[in-house]
Every structure is written in C-alpha cells, then in structure tokens.
C-alpha cells in the first residue's frame, strides 16, 4: 500500500517515476528482507509513510507520501528513532528538500557520502528488535 501511495502522481506532477516494474522490484526486495516500509495510521486508515532499502547500517530512503498533514513526518521521525536503536549510522534521503531539512537532514558532499557508505554499508545493525 505504501509503494502504491508513493507511486500516485503528486498534485504538481503529471506522472510518476515509480513504474509498475519498479514497484514489483521493491516488493521483491521486501520479500527478501531488504526493502522496508514505515506507515502512519489514523482511524484505521493509512495516512502517510515511506519506504526504503536497508544495507548494513545504512537506510536508503526511496519515497514518502502523506494523505494527512504531517503524517509522513511522523513516520520518518519514528523511523529515525528505530534506526538509531538498531545502530544505523546513515540515512540517505537522496534529494535535498526543505521538507527533509525541517526533519534534520543535512546535505553532504559526494566524497563525504562515499566515505560514509564505505564505512557503514557492510556493518550489521546492532539489533533488529523493534522498540516502540
């Protein structure tokens, strides 16, 4: 459901980069334990969320959506807390936006990012037990 919601065209866009083939690939990655989603629910309805790929101690955020104001922010804040508990060291937001900056994202140079990837992508998380 999160993948489909992220694939829906935004109000200021005509289409989506998240084609049916891409959606199927992310679903396969989820089945293999690499892709994960974080959801925000309100009155038993999915109102926001995000998904991404986990490799080592790095989470690569792929896309976010919201149907209720700030719902994706709640999902992202929960993800940050959980990844911190698991010992993750880096979240790749991919695109610099004011929305992500408001949540604490910092832009890094390509060389710094490459160095961080080398440092953390092969390390296993310290835990995978959910802490709510």
Protein backbone atom coordinates (compact mmCIF):
# COMPACT_ATOMS: atom_id res chain seq x y z
CA UNK A 1 0.00 0.00 0.00
CA UNK A 2 2.88 2.38 0.79
CA UNK A 3 4.51 1.69 -2.58
CA UNK A 4 1.23 2.34 -4.40
CA UNK A 5 0.63 5.56 -2.44
CA UNK A 6 4.16 6.76 -3.21
CA UNK A 7 3.60 5.94 -6.89
CA UNK A 8 0.47 8.09 -7.13
CA UNK A 9 1.15 11.32 -9.05
CA UNK A 10 1.64 14.35 -6.83
CA UNK A 11 -0.60 17.38 -7.29
CA UNK A 12 2.20 19.29 -9.04
CA UNK A 13 3.34 16.38 -11.27
CA UNK A 14 1.82 14.66 -14.26
CA UNK A 15 3.28 11.20 -13.73
CA UNK A 16 5.45 9.08 -11.52
CA UNK A 17 8.94 7.58 -11.67
CA UNK A 18 7.70 4.60 -9.69
CA UNK A 19 6.54 2.42 -12.59
CA UNK A 20 4.76 -0.92 -12.10
CA UNK A 21 8.07 -2.68 -12.84
CA UNK A 22 9.84 -0.64 -10.15
CA UNK A 23 7.05 -1.35 -7.69
CA UNK A 24 7.39 -5.09 -8.38
CA UNK A 25 11.15 -4.88 -7.83
CA UNK A 26 10.72 -3.14 -4.47
CA UNK A 27 8.12 -5.72 -3.43
CA UNK A 28 10.62 -8.49 -4.30
CA UNK A 29 13.28 -6.68 -2.27
CA UNK A 30 10.80 -6.52 0.62
CA UNK A 31 10.14 -10.26 0.37
CA UNK A 32 13.91 -10.81 0.52
CA UNK A 33 14.20 -8.64 3.65
CA UNK A 34 15.90 -5.60 2.09
CA UNK A 35 13.05 -3.13 1.46
CA UNK A 36 11.02 -1.83 4.38
CA UNK A 37 8.07 0.47 4.87
CA UNK A 38 7.04 2.68 7.74
CA UNK A 39 3.40 3.62 7.99
CA UNK A 40 1.33 6.23 9.79
CA UNK A 41 -2.24 5.22 10.51
CA UNK A 42 -5.23 7.28 11.68
CA UNK A 43 -8.73 5.87 12.28
CA UNK A 44 -7.60 2.56 10.75
CA UNK A 45 -6.57 4.31 7.52
CA UNK A 46 -3.09 4.56 6.05
CA UNK A 47 -2.44 8.32 6.05
CA UNK A 48 1.29 8.53 5.43
CA UNK A 49 4.52 6.66 5.20
CA UNK A 50 7.74 5.95 3.44
CA UNK A 51 9.80 3.05 2.21
CA UNK A 52 13.43 2.34 1.53
CA UNK A 53 16.24 -0.17 1.35
CA UNK A 54 18.42 -1.24 4.29
CA UNK A 55 22.02 -2.24 3.62
CA UNK A 56 24.36 -2.71 6.56
CA UNK A 57 23.94 0.30 8.84
CA UNK A 58 22.60 2.48 6.02
CA UNK A 59 18.95 3.12 5.16
CA UNK A 60 18.30 4.43 1.65
CA UNK A 61 15.00 6.32 1.73
CA UNK A 62 13.20 5.96 -1.58
CA UNK A 63 9.90 7.81 -1.34
CA UNK A 64 7.38 9.32 1.08
CA UNK A 65 3.71 10.23 0.90
CA UNK A 66 1.01 11.73 3.06
CA UNK A 67 -2.76 11.88 2.93
CA UNK A 68 -3.00 13.78 6.22
CA UNK A 69 -0.85 16.77 7.16
CA UNK A 70 2.49 15.76 8.72
CA UNK A 71 1.75 12.01 8.55
CA UNK A 72 4.95 11.32 6.59
CA UNK A 73 6.89 13.36 9.15
CA UNK A 74 5.55 11.16 11.95
CA UNK A 75 6.57 8.04 10.03
CA UNK A 76 10.03 9.46 9.31
CA UNK A 77 10.56 10.51 12.94
CA UNK A 78 9.59 7.00 14.07
CA UNK A 79 11.99 5.52 11.54
CA UNK A 80 14.85 7.71 12.78
CA UNK A 81 14.21 6.62 16.37
CA UNK A 82 14.06 2.94 15.41
CA UNK A 83 17.15 3.06 13.19
CA UNK A 84 19.06 4.78 15.99
CA UNK A 85 18.04 1.97 18.37
CA UNK A 86 19.33 -0.56 15.83
CA UNK A 87 22.67 1.22 15.46
CA UNK A 88 22.19 2.60 11.96
CA UNK A 89 24.63 5.37 11.12
CA UNK A 90 23.31 6.91 7.90
CA UNK A 91 20.02 7.67 6.19
CA UNK A 92 20.29 8.56 2.52
CA UNK A 93 17.43 10.93 1.69
CA UNK A 94 18.68 11.21 -1.93
CA UNK A 95 17.21 14.62 -2.73
CA UNK A 96 17.74 17.82 -0.75
CA UNK A 97 14.37 19.36 0.09
CA UNK A 98 13.25 21.89 2.67
CA UNK A 99 10.83 19.24 3.96
CA UNK A 100 13.73 16.90 4.80
CA UNK A 101 15.85 19.74 6.19
CA UNK A 102 12.97 20.54 8.57
CA UNK A 103 13.35 16.96 9.84
CA UNK A 104 17.09 17.30 10.43
CA UNK A 105 18.57 16.21 7.11
CA UNK A 106 21.96 17.63 6.21
CA UNK A 107 23.45 17.82 2.74
CA UNK A 108 26.89 16.20 2.38
CA UNK A 109 29.38 16.26 -0.47
CA UNK A 110 29.62 13.28 -2.81
CA UNK A 111 33.09 12.38 -1.49
CA UNK A 112 31.89 12.53 2.13
CA UNK A 113 28.84 10.42 1.25
CA UNK A 114 31.06 7.84 -0.50
CA UNK A 115 33.29 7.70 2.56
CA UNK A 116 30.30 7.21 4.86
CA UNK A 117 28.96 4.43 2.63
CA UNK A 118 32.30 2.64 2.67
CA UNK A 119 32.37 2.92 6.43
CA UNK A 120 28.84 1.66 7.17
CA UNK A 121 27.32 -0.42 4.37
CA UNK A 122 28.98 -3.70 5.41
CA UNK A 123 28.38 -3.35 9.16
CA UNK A 124 25.46 -5.27 10.56
CA UNK A 125 22.88 -3.42 12.68
CA UNK A 126 23.42 -3.99 16.41
CA UNK A 127 19.80 -5.12 16.84
CA UNK A 128 16.69 -5.71 14.81
CA UNK A 129 14.22 -5.95 17.68
CA UNK A 130 11.50 -3.32 17.43
CA UNK A 131 11.34 -0.79 20.23
CA UNK A 132 8.09 1.12 20.36
